[in-house]
């Protein structure tokens, strides 16, 4: 099944308020540490949430990537104890999207090849800070 697309009609504004007003809620994932609310950043359709993984403070995120000319949402975590080294990225799940960029909501997640990816697959939904479903 192809990924979902939720259209947002608001005019694009790169202000911090506009960028932070969208929430992605991940629930029911087999890898329970990713079950959380992610806030949109102004960084190219990236959604982030701080948390704990392997007894460390980490950043969980959902980001858009292009792999073999296909656009995918990846649900990942970055681990890095040394800022002078590149982070260790663990991809838990991914979901194919349509060519248009939108919120990663109502899409079909799949496991990645990572040993950290577990069933059941996550469910995602989008909302605004005011609680409106998008």
C-alpha atoms as a PDB file:
ATOM      1  CA  UNK A   1       0.000   0.000   0.000  1.00  0.00           C
ATOM      2  CA  UNK A   2       1.306   3.465  -0.882  1.00  0.00           C
ATOM      3  CA  UNK A   3       1.741   6.076   1.820  1.00  0.00           C
ATOM      4  CA  UNK A   4      -0.849   8.622   2.761  1.00  0.00           C
ATOM      5  CA  UNK A   5      -1.083  12.308   2.085  1.00  0.00           C
ATOM      6  CA  UNK A   6      -2.891  14.842   4.236  1.00  0.00           C
ATOM      7  CA  UNK A   7      -3.282  18.207   2.559  1.00  0.00           C
ATOM      8  CA  UNK A   8      -2.703  21.309   4.646  1.00  0.00           C
ATOM      9  CA  UNK A   9      -4.135  24.496   3.160  1.00  0.00           C
ATOM     10  CA  UNK A  10      -2.439  27.030   5.443  1.00  0.00           C
ATOM     11  CA  UNK A  11      -0.027  29.379   3.735  1.00  0.00           C
ATOM     12  CA  UNK A  12       3.591  28.412   4.317  1.00  0.00           C
ATOM     13  CA  UNK A  13       5.276  30.596   6.894  1.00  0.00           C
ATOM     14  CA  UNK A  14       8.782  29.784   8.066  1.00  0.00           C
ATOM     15  CA  UNK A  15       8.211  31.391  11.445  1.00  0.00           C
ATOM     16  CA  UNK A  16       8.929  29.269  14.511  1.00  0.00           C
ATOM     17  CA  UNK A  17       5.239  29.314  15.413  1.00  0.00           C
ATOM     18  CA  UNK A  18       4.205  27.843  12.048  1.00  0.00           C
ATOM     19  CA  UNK A  19       6.964  25.250  12.110  1.00  0.00           C
ATOM     20  CA  UNK A  20       6.216  24.060  15.616  1.00  0.00           C
ATOM     21  CA  UNK A  21       2.425  23.927  15.285  1.00  0.00           C
ATOM     22  CA  UNK A  22       2.176  20.422  13.815  1.00  0.00           C
ATOM     23  CA  UNK A  23       2.308  17.265  15.902  1.00  0.00           C
ATOM     24  CA  UNK A  24       2.735  13.659  14.742  1.00  0.00           C
ATOM     25  CA  UNK A  25       1.517  11.040  17.189  1.00  0.00           C
ATOM     26  CA  UNK A  26       3.080   7.571  16.949  1.00  0.00           C
ATOM     27  CA  UNK A  27       1.409   4.753  18.852  1.00  0.00           C
ATOM     28  CA  UNK A  28       1.210   0.945  19.014  1.00  0.00           C
ATOM     29  CA  UNK A  29       4.752   0.358  17.691  1.00  0.00           C
ATOM     30  CA  UNK A  30       6.496  -2.853  18.704  1.00  0.00           C
ATOM     31  CA  UNK A  31       9.573  -0.756  19.464  1.00  0.00           C
ATOM     32  CA  UNK A  32       7.798   1.069  22.296  1.00  0.00           C
ATOM     33  CA  UNK A  33      10.431   3.788  22.711  1.00  0.00           C
ATOM     34  CA  UNK A  34       9.190   5.456  19.480  1.00  0.00           C
ATOM     35  CA  UNK A  35       5.609   5.735  20.795  1.00  0.00           C
ATOM     36  CA  UNK A  36       5.493   9.454  21.473  1.00  0.00           C
ATOM     37  CA  UNK A  37       4.488  12.846  20.075  1.00  0.00           C
ATOM     38  CA  UNK A  38       6.813  14.457  17.540  1.00  0.00           C
ATOM     39  CA  UNK A  39       6.933  18.229  16.948  1.00  0.00           C
ATOM     40  CA  UNK A  40       7.545  19.661  13.491  1.00  0.00           C
ATOM     41  CA  UNK A  41      10.739  21.631  13.054  1.00  0.00           C
ATOM     42  CA  UNK A  42      11.667  24.086  10.323  1.00  0.00           C
ATOM     43  CA  UNK A  43      14.282  21.579   9.156  1.00  0.00           C
ATOM     44  CA  UNK A  44      12.894  20.176   5.875  1.00  0.00           C
ATOM     45  CA  UNK A  45       9.816  18.314   7.085  1.00  0.00           C
ATOM     46  CA  UNK A  46      11.466  16.809  10.130  1.00  0.00           C
ATOM     47  CA  UNK A  47       9.576  15.963  13.311  1.00  0.00           C
ATOM     48  CA  UNK A  48      11.474  15.437  16.569  1.00  0.00           C
ATOM     49  CA  UNK A  49      10.990  14.253  20.137  1.00  0.00           C
ATOM     50  CA  UNK A  50      13.527  13.968  22.944  1.00  0.00           C
ATOM     51  CA  UNK A  51      13.629  10.767  24.978  1.00  0.00           C
ATOM     52  CA  UNK A  52      15.738   7.950  26.393  1.00  0.00           C
ATOM     53  CA  UNK A  53      17.247   5.046  24.466  1.00  0.00           C
ATOM     54  CA  UNK A  54      19.904   2.636  25.755  1.00  0.00           C
ATOM     55  CA  UNK A  55      20.026   4.668  28.987  1.00  0.00           C
ATOM     56  CA  UNK A  56      20.968   7.858  27.096  1.00  0.00           C
ATOM     57  CA  UNK A  57      19.211  11.097  26.261  1.00  0.00           C
ATOM     58  CA  UNK A  58      18.551  10.995  22.508  1.00  0.00           C
ATOM     59  CA  UNK A  59      16.580  12.645  19.741  1.00  0.00           C
ATOM     60  CA  UNK A  60      13.923  10.507  18.079  1.00  0.00           C
ATOM     61  CA  UNK A  61      12.768  11.837  14.728  1.00  0.00           C
ATOM     62  CA  UNK A  62      10.673  11.285  11.634  1.00  0.00           C
ATOM     63  CA  UNK A  63      12.318  12.624   8.503  1.00  0.00           C
ATOM     64  CA  UNK A  64      11.813  12.552   4.768  1.00  0.00           C
ATOM     65  CA  UNK A  65      14.491  10.801   2.697  1.00  0.00           C
ATOM     66  CA  UNK A  66      14.872   9.867  -0.941  1.00  0.00           C
ATOM     67  CA  UNK A  67      16.130   6.323  -1.531  1.00  0.00           C
ATOM     68  CA  UNK A  68      16.446   4.926  -5.073  1.00  0.00           C
ATOM     69  CA  UNK A  69      14.280   7.786  -6.404  1.00  0.00           C
ATOM     70  CA  UNK A  70      11.497   6.950  -3.914  1.00  0.00           C
ATOM     71  CA  UNK A  71      10.449   9.255  -1.078  1.00  0.00           C
ATOM     72  CA  UNK A  72      10.175   7.638   2.362  1.00  0.00           C
ATOM     73  CA  UNK A  73       9.398   8.748   5.896  1.00  0.00           C
ATOM     74  CA  UNK A  74      11.901   7.220   8.336  1.00  0.00           C
ATOM     75  CA  UNK A  75      11.260   6.836  12.061  1.00  0.00           C
ATOM     76  CA  UNK A  76      14.709   6.873  13.653  1.00  0.00           C
ATOM     77  CA  UNK A  77      16.931   7.765  16.586  1.00  0.00           C
ATOM     78  CA  UNK A  78      20.398   9.338  16.688  1.00  0.00           C
ATOM     79  CA  UNK A  79      22.868   8.190  19.300  1.00  0.00           C
ATOM     80  CA  UNK A  80      26.037  10.175  19.797  1.00  0.00           C
ATOM     81  CA  UNK A  81      28.236  10.401  22.866  1.00  0.00           C
ATOM     82  CA  UNK A  82      30.980  12.314  21.069  1.00  0.00           C
ATOM     83  CA  UNK A  83      29.957  15.510  19.195  1.00  0.00           C
ATOM     84  CA  UNK A  84      33.107  15.333  17.046  1.00  0.00           C
ATOM     85  CA  UNK A  85      31.930  12.034  15.494  1.00  0.00           C
ATOM     86  CA  UNK A  86      28.953  11.438  13.228  1.00  0.00           C
ATOM     87  CA  UNK A  87      25.871  10.130  15.051  1.00  0.00           C
ATOM     88  CA  UNK A  88      24.896   6.485  14.980  1.00  0.00           C
ATOM     89  CA  UNK A  89      21.477   6.482  13.270  1.00  0.00           C
ATOM     90  CA  UNK A  90      19.078   3.619  13.961  1.00  0.00           C
ATOM     91  CA  UNK A  91      16.128   3.386  11.553  1.00  0.00           C
ATOM     92  CA  UNK A  92      13.225   1.572  13.220  1.00  0.00           C
ATOM     93  CA  UNK A  93      10.476   1.943  10.586  1.00  0.00           C
ATOM     94  CA  UNK A  94       9.857   3.532   7.207  1.00  0.00           C
ATOM     95  CA  UNK A  95       6.834   4.395   5.070  1.00  0.00           C
ATOM     96  CA  UNK A  96       6.596   5.211   1.376  1.00  0.00           C
ATOM     97  CA  UNK A  97       4.919   8.524   0.514  1.00  0.00           C
ATOM     98  CA  UNK A  98       3.408  10.059  -2.554  1.00  0.00           C
ATOM     99  CA  UNK A  99       5.471  12.510  -4.609  1.00  0.00           C
ATOM    100  CA  UNK A 100       3.889  15.455  -2.795  1.00  0.00           C
ATOM    101  CA  UNK A 101       5.388  16.186   0.599  1.00  0.00           C
ATOM    102  CA  UNK A 102       2.993  16.226   3.546  1.00  0.00           C
ATOM    103  CA  UNK A 103       2.597  15.034   7.114  1.00  0.00           C
ATOM    104  CA  UNK A 104       3.507  11.421   7.858  1.00  0.00           C
ATOM    105  CA  UNK A 105      -0.066  10.628   8.871  1.00  0.00           C
ATOM    106  CA  UNK A 106      -2.314   7.678   8.033  1.00  0.00           C
ATOM    107  CA  UNK A 107       0.493   5.859   6.276  1.00  0.00           C
ATOM    108  CA  UNK A 108       1.555   2.217   6.215  1.00  0.00           C
ATOM    109  CA  UNK A 109       4.777   1.808   8.150  1.00  0.00           C
ATOM    110  CA  UNK A 110       7.033  -1.176   7.509  1.00  0.00           C
ATOM    111  CA  UNK A 111      10.004  -2.612   9.349  1.00  0.00           C
ATOM    112  CA  UNK A 112      13.480  -1.624   8.223  1.00  0.00           C
ATOM    113  CA  UNK A 113      16.321  -4.110   7.960  1.00  0.00           C
ATOM    114  CA  UNK A 114      17.557  -2.941  11.374  1.00  0.00           C
ATOM    115  CA  UNK A 115      17.635  -5.534  14.134  1.00  0.00           C
ATOM    116  CA  UNK A 116      15.914  -2.871  16.273  1.00  0.00           C
ATOM    117  CA  UNK A 117      12.724  -2.880  14.178  1.00  0.00           C
ATOM    118  CA  UNK A 118       9.886  -4.864  15.817  1.00  0.00           C
ATOM    119  CA  UNK A 119       6.273  -5.778  15.175  1.00  0.00           C
ATOM    120  CA  UNK A 120       3.591  -4.576  15.519  1.00  0.00           C
ATOM    121  CA  UNK A 121       3.975  -1.706  13.081  1.00  0.00           C
ATOM    122  CA  UNK A 122       3.274   1.815  14.355  1.00  0.00           C
ATOM    123  CA  UNK A 123       0.150   3.842  13.710  1.00  0.00           C
ATOM    124  CA  UNK A 124       0.513   7.571  13.095  1.00  0.00           C
ATOM    125  CA  UNK A 125      -1.769  10.576  13.087  1.00  0.00           C
ATOM    126  CA  UNK A 126      -1.278  14.320  12.723  1.00  0.00           C
ATOM    127  CA  UNK A 127      -2.775  17.128  14.773  1.00  0.00           C
ATOM    128  CA  UNK A 128      -2.257  20.791  15.505  1.00  0.00           C
ATOM    129  CA  UNK A 129      -1.189  22.215  18.855  1.00  0.00           C
ATOM    130  CA  UNK A 130      -4.838  23.209  19.291  1.00  0.00           C
ATOM    131  CA  UNK A 131      -5.783  19.515  19.108  1.00  0.00           C
ATOM    132  CA  UNK A 132      -7.347  19.598  15.617  1.00  0.00           C
ATOM    133  CA  UNK A 133      -6.792  16.452  13.565  1.00  0.00           C
ATOM    134  CA  UNK A 134      -5.056  17.191  10.262  1.00  0.00           C
END
